[in-house]
Amino acid sequence: MLEGFIENLASYLLNLSGGSLIWVSFYAGLFVALMTSLGAMVAIFAKKIPEGGVDFSLSFAAGVMIVASFTSLILPGIESAGFLPVGVGIALGVLLIYAVDRLLPHEHLVRGYEGPKGMKEKLRKVWLLIFAMIIHNLPEGLAVGTSLIYNLEVGLVTAIAIGIQDFPEGTVVSLPLAVIQKKSLGPVLVDILSGLAEMVMVVIGALFFTAFSSVLPYGLGLAGGAMLYVTIKEMIPEIYGEEKNQTLVTLGFFAGFYVMLLLDSSLG
């Protein structure tokens, strides 16, 4: 049933796009941006996140991203081109996000400030949180765009999974920002912009690897490595870093793990 839905969706989007994968990537990017925006809009109506909601949402996203890194990017790349180009790509992805992580000032909700020390006092907390969102969203957008060029159905599964976890993630980011600023509209607009940035990365990834298809295996590794870095370096320490309900966190991780695994297995 799910396999049929994915196949029908792929056919529909191809027909709608006149056979252009770039237009398909635009629609996929629009979907993930819309899911982020809808999640952010919850902040307009909600006063606070239910207890454990942040932990469950972030751990769910981590579960999705771990599985997607392998099933949609790294393993398909190895199957099509062997280990070496994908391995090089993984290293490049890790180095890319590491450099962005060190050079771009940003602040996590739990772990606090990271980046150049001299910028901490020059930027308002809200901007530091925004930059943290950008670092997180870049690999997700790149993963969707790259996997779409490799295989349309695999890319759509990735887009659906990323979109599913973007909804609660949008809420998790917007509500704390709303508390900091004591108003909800600004944080919602900021999160919508972060979703649009993710959409731009989807299209950029698709455009680049359409033009340079020979380096697609490197791109699959790069996107996978970037997502793994964000998950292992940023998200997992964030969700396990304080005194929390670790059972809930672990359940959230495996819920995301199974959702992505189920979506991916529908193509099998």
Protein backbone atom coordinates (compact mmCIF):
# COMPACT_ATOMS: atom_id res chain seq x y z
CA MET A 1 0.00 0.00 0.00
CA LEU A 2 2.73 2.44 1.00
CA GLU A 3 4.88 1.35 -1.93
CA GLY A 4 1.98 2.04 -4.28
CA PHE A 5 1.48 5.48 -2.74
CA ILE A 6 5.15 6.39 -3.25
CA GLU A 7 5.10 5.15 -6.85
CA ASN A 8 1.89 7.05 -7.61
CA LEU A 9 3.27 10.18 -5.98
CA ALA A 10 6.46 9.92 -8.05
CA SER A 11 4.46 9.52 -11.26
CA TYR A 12 2.16 12.41 -10.36
CA LEU A 13 5.05 14.78 -9.56
CA LEU A 14 6.91 13.82 -12.72
CA ASN A 15 3.79 14.52 -14.81
CA LEU A 16 3.16 17.77 -12.95
CA SER A 17 6.79 18.80 -13.52
CA GLY A 18 6.92 17.85 -17.19
CA GLY A 19 9.56 15.22 -16.44
CA SER A 20 11.91 17.72 -14.78
CA LEU A 21 13.58 16.46 -11.59
CA ILE A 22 14.46 20.06 -10.72
CA TRP A 23 10.76 20.93 -10.49
CA VAL A 24 10.17 17.76 -8.49
CA SER A 25 12.89 18.93 -6.08
CA PHE A 26 11.12 22.28 -5.86
CA TYR A 27 7.87 20.57 -4.81
CA ALA A 28 9.71 18.31 -2.36
CA GLY A 29 11.45 21.36 -0.89
CA LEU A 30 8.13 23.16 -0.68
CA PHE A 31 6.73 20.22 1.29
CA VAL A 32 9.49 20.25 3.92
CA ALA A 33 9.26 24.05 4.19
CA LEU A 34 5.49 23.82 4.64
CA MET A 35 5.81 21.18 7.37
CA THR A 36 8.33 23.34 9.23
CA SER A 37 6.03 26.35 8.87
CA LEU A 38 2.94 24.47 10.09
CA GLY A 39 4.87 23.24 13.11
CA ALA A 40 6.02 26.78 13.84
CA MET A 41 2.47 28.10 13.69
CA VAL A 42 1.58 25.98 16.71
CA ALA A 43 3.48 28.63 18.70
CA ILE A 44 0.74 31.15 17.88
CA PHE A 45 -1.85 29.12 19.78
CA ALA A 46 0.14 27.14 22.33
CA LYS A 47 1.48 28.69 25.53
CA LYS A 48 4.04 26.01 26.29
CA ILE A 49 5.36 22.69 25.05
CA PRO A 50 3.97 19.66 26.93
CA GLU A 51 6.44 18.20 29.40
CA GLY A 52 8.83 15.96 27.52
CA GLY A 53 7.70 17.34 24.14
CA VAL A 54 11.04 18.92 23.29
CA ASP A 55 12.98 15.79 24.21
CA PHE A 56 10.66 13.44 22.30
CA SER A 57 10.59 15.67 19.18
CA LEU A 58 14.37 16.11 19.00
CA SER A 59 15.02 12.42 19.62
CA PHE A 60 12.41 11.48 16.98
CA ALA A 61 14.23 13.72 14.50
CA ALA A 62 17.55 12.10 15.43
CA GLY A 63 16.11 8.64 14.75
CA VAL A 64 14.85 9.70 11.33
CA MET A 65 18.17 11.32 10.40
CA ILE A 66 20.33 8.37 11.48
CA VAL A 67 18.37 5.92 9.31
CA ALA A 68 18.02 8.36 6.38
CA SER A 69 21.78 8.95 6.40
CA PHE A 70 22.35 5.28 5.62
CA THR A 71 19.30 4.04 3.70
CA SER A 72 18.82 7.09 1.45
CA LEU A 73 22.39 8.28 1.02
CA ILE A 74 25.39 6.26 2.17
CA LEU A 75 24.34 2.69 1.30
CA PRO A 76 22.82 3.59 -2.12
CA GLY A 77 26.02 5.48 -2.94
CA ILE A 78 28.18 2.48 -2.02
CA GLU A 79 25.96 0.15 -4.06
CA SER A 80 26.25 2.34 -7.15
CA ALA A 81 29.90 3.46 -6.99
CA GLY A 82 31.74 1.56 -4.27
CA PHE A 83 33.09 2.65 -0.92
CA LEU A 84 35.87 5.08 -1.87
CA PRO A 85 33.90 8.02 -3.36
CA VAL A 86 31.20 7.72 -0.70
CA GLY A 87 33.81 7.47 2.06
CA VAL A 88 35.52 10.60 0.76
CA GLY A 89 32.13 12.32 0.57
CA ILE A 90 31.31 11.40 4.19
CA ALA A 91 34.59 12.93 5.35
CA LEU A 92 33.91 16.10 3.32
CA GLY A 93 30.39 16.36 4.79
CA VAL A 94 31.70 16.04 8.33
CA LEU A 95 34.43 18.63 7.68
CA LEU A 96 31.95 21.02 6.04
CA ILE A 97 29.51 21.05 8.96
CA TYR A 98 32.39 21.06 11.45
CA ALA A 99 33.73 24.23 9.82
CA VAL A 100 30.29 25.85 9.77
CA ASP A 101 29.78 24.78 13.39
CA ARG A 102 33.05 26.41 14.46
CA LEU A 103 32.81 29.57 12.37
CA LEU A 104 29.11 30.45 12.63
CA PRO A 105 28.09 31.67 16.10
CA HIS A 106 25.02 29.84 17.39
CA GLU A 107 23.34 28.75 20.60
CA HIS A 108 21.60 25.49 21.49
CA LEU A 109 18.60 25.41 23.78
CA VAL A 110 20.40 23.08 26.19
CA ARG A 111 24.13 23.06 25.49
CA GLY A 112 24.47 26.81 25.15
CA TYR A 113 26.79 28.92 22.99
CA GLU A 114 29.15 27.57 20.33
CA GLY A 115 31.27 29.40 17.78
CA PRO A 116 33.79 32.29 17.85
CA LYS A 117 34.00 33.61 21.41
CA GLY A 118 34.17 37.23 20.29
CA MET A 119 30.71 37.02 18.69
CA LYS A 120 28.85 35.86 21.79
CA GLU A 121 28.27 39.34 23.18
CA LYS A 122 27.67 40.96 19.78
CA LEU A 123 24.61 38.96 18.75
CA ARG A 124 21.27 38.70 20.43
CA LYS A 125 20.28 35.27 21.75
CA VAL A 126 17.49 34.99 19.17
CA TRP A 127 19.99 35.26 16.30
CA LEU A 128 22.24 32.65 17.88
CA LEU A 129 19.28 30.25 17.99
CA ILE A 130 18.41 31.09 14.38
CA PHE A 131 21.95 30.26 13.25
CA ALA A 132 21.71 26.94 15.09
CA MET A 133 18.56 26.16 13.08
CA ILE A 134 20.36 26.99 9.83
CA ILE A 135 23.23 24.61 10.66
CA HIS A 136 20.67 21.89 11.35
CA ASN A 137 18.56 22.50 8.23
CA LEU A 138 21.37 22.64 5.65
CA PRO A 139 22.18 18.89 5.69
CA GLU A 140 18.48 17.95 5.66
CA GLY A 141 17.80 20.02 2.54
CA LEU A 142 20.95 18.76 0.84
CA ALA A 143 19.99 15.16 1.67
CA VAL A 144 16.57 15.51 0.02
CA GLY A 145 17.92 17.20 -3.13
CA THR A 146 20.80 14.76 -3.56
CA SER A 147 18.73 11.62 -2.98
CA LEU A 148 16.08 12.85 -5.47
CA ILE A 149 18.70 12.97 -8.23
CA TYR A 150 20.00 9.53 -7.31
CA ASN A 151 16.54 7.95 -7.30
CA LEU A 152 13.20 9.75 -7.42
CA GLU A 153 11.34 7.36 -5.13
CA VAL A 154 14.17 7.21 -2.57
CA GLY A 155 14.27 11.01 -2.60
CA LEU A 156 10.53 11.29 -2.04
CA VAL A 157 10.71 8.88 0.91
CA THR A 158 13.50 11.05 2.35
CA ALA A 159 11.44 14.21 1.80
CA ILE A 160 8.38 12.67 3.48
CA ALA A 161 10.41 11.50 6.49
CA ILE A 162 12.23 14.84 6.85
CA GLY A 163 8.90 16.65 6.53
CA ILE A 164 7.29 14.49 9.23
CA GLN A 165 10.04 15.30 11.72
CA ASP A 166 10.15 18.97 10.65
CA PHE A 167 6.63 19.56 11.98
CA PRO A 168 7.33 18.95 15.69
CA GLU A 169 10.80 20.40 15.25
CA GLY A 170 9.29 23.67 14.01
CA THR A 171 7.16 23.82 17.15
CA VAL A 172 10.10 22.96 19.42
CA VAL A 173 12.15 25.85 17.99
CA SER A 174 9.40 28.47 17.74
CA LEU A 175 7.92 28.14 21.22
CA PRO A 176 11.17 28.77 23.14
CA LEU A 177 11.89 31.74 20.87
CA ALA A 178 8.39 33.04 21.57
CA VAL A 179 9.07 32.77 25.31
CA ILE A 180 12.38 34.64 24.95
CA GLN A 181 10.83 37.45 22.88
CA LYS A 182 7.47 37.42 24.70
CA LYS A 183 5.65 37.36 21.36
CA SER A 184 4.87 34.61 18.87
CA LEU A 185 4.69 36.15 15.39
CA GLY A 186 8.41 36.93 15.08
CA PRO A 187 9.62 33.42 15.98
CA VAL A 188 7.04 31.88 13.64
CA LEU A 189 8.26 34.03 10.74
CA VAL A 190 11.87 33.13 11.60
CA ASP A 191 11.05 29.41 11.53
CA ILE A 192 9.20 29.82 8.23
CA LEU A 193 12.35 31.44 6.82
CA SER A 194 14.44 28.53 8.11
CA GLY A 195 12.08 26.17 6.28
CA LEU A 196 12.51 28.21 3.10
CA ALA A 197 16.29 27.99 3.54
CA GLU A 198 15.94 24.22 3.74
CA MET A 199 13.86 24.30 0.56
CA VAL A 200 16.58 26.32 -1.20
CA MET A 201 19.14 23.68 -0.21
CA VAL A 202 16.92 20.96 -1.72
CA VAL A 203 16.89 22.78 -5.07
CA ILE A 204 20.61 23.68 -4.93
CA GLY A 205 21.52 20.05 -4.22
CA ALA A 206 19.35 18.85 -7.11
CA LEU A 207 20.72 21.48 -9.52
CA PHE A 208 24.34 20.81 -8.64
CA PHE A 209 24.20 17.02 -8.93
CA THR A 210 22.15 17.21 -12.11
CA ALA A 211 24.88 19.36 -13.68
CA PHE A 212 27.72 17.28 -12.19
CA SER A 213 26.23 13.80 -12.11
CA SER A 214 29.67 12.16 -12.15
CA VAL A 215 30.30 13.31 -8.58
CA LEU A 216 26.88 12.21 -7.29
CA PRO A 217 28.37 9.35 -5.18
CA TYR A 218 30.55 11.94 -3.43
CA GLY A 219 27.42 14.05 -2.92
CA LEU A 220 25.49 11.16 -1.40
CA GLY A 221 28.35 10.57 1.03
CA LEU A 222 28.66 14.29 1.76
CA ALA A 223 24.97 14.69 2.59
CA GLY A 224 25.02 11.51 4.68
CA GLY A 225 28.15 12.55 6.55
CA ALA A 226 26.74 16.02 7.20
CA MET A 227 23.51 14.56 8.63
CA LEU A 228 25.42 12.09 10.78
CA TYR A 229 27.61 14.89 12.16
CA VAL A 230 24.61 17.04 13.08
CA THR A 231 22.85 14.07 14.69
CA ILE A 232 25.80 12.73 16.68
CA LYS A 233 27.52 16.02 17.56
CA GLU A 234 24.52 18.30 18.06
CA MET A 235 21.25 16.45 18.58
CA ILE A 236 22.14 13.40 20.67
CA PRO A 237 24.20 15.36 23.22
CA GLU A 238 21.37 17.91 23.35
CA ILE A 239 18.69 15.36 24.19
CA TYR A 240 20.77 13.30 26.63
CA GLY A 241 22.72 16.22 28.09
CA GLU A 242 20.58 17.05 31.12
CA GLU A 243 18.54 15.30 33.78
CA LYS A 244 15.68 14.12 31.61
CA ASN A 245 13.24 11.29 31.14
CA GLN A 246 15.71 9.12 29.26
CA THR A 247 13.08 6.45 28.61
CA LEU A 248 10.95 9.00 26.75
CA VAL A 249 13.99 10.24 24.82
CA THR A 250 14.94 6.70 23.81
CA LEU A 251 11.35 5.92 22.78
CA GLY A 252 11.33 9.07 20.65
CA PHE A 253 14.57 8.03 18.95
CA PHE A 254 13.27 4.57 18.08
CA ALA A 255 9.91 5.98 16.95
CA GLY A 256 11.77 8.11 14.38
CA PHE A 257 14.06 5.17 13.58
CA TYR A 258 11.10 2.91 12.79
CA VAL A 259 9.19 5.56 10.83
CA MET A 260 12.13 6.12 8.48
CA LEU A 261 12.84 2.38 8.26
CA LEU A 262 9.18 1.69 7.40
CA LEU A 263 9.14 4.36 4.70
CA ASP A 264 12.40 3.08 3.22
CA SER A 265 11.32 -0.58 3.33
CA SER A 266 8.20 0.32 1.32
CA LEU A 267 10.48 0.58 -1.72
CA GLY A 268 12.12 -2.76 -1.08
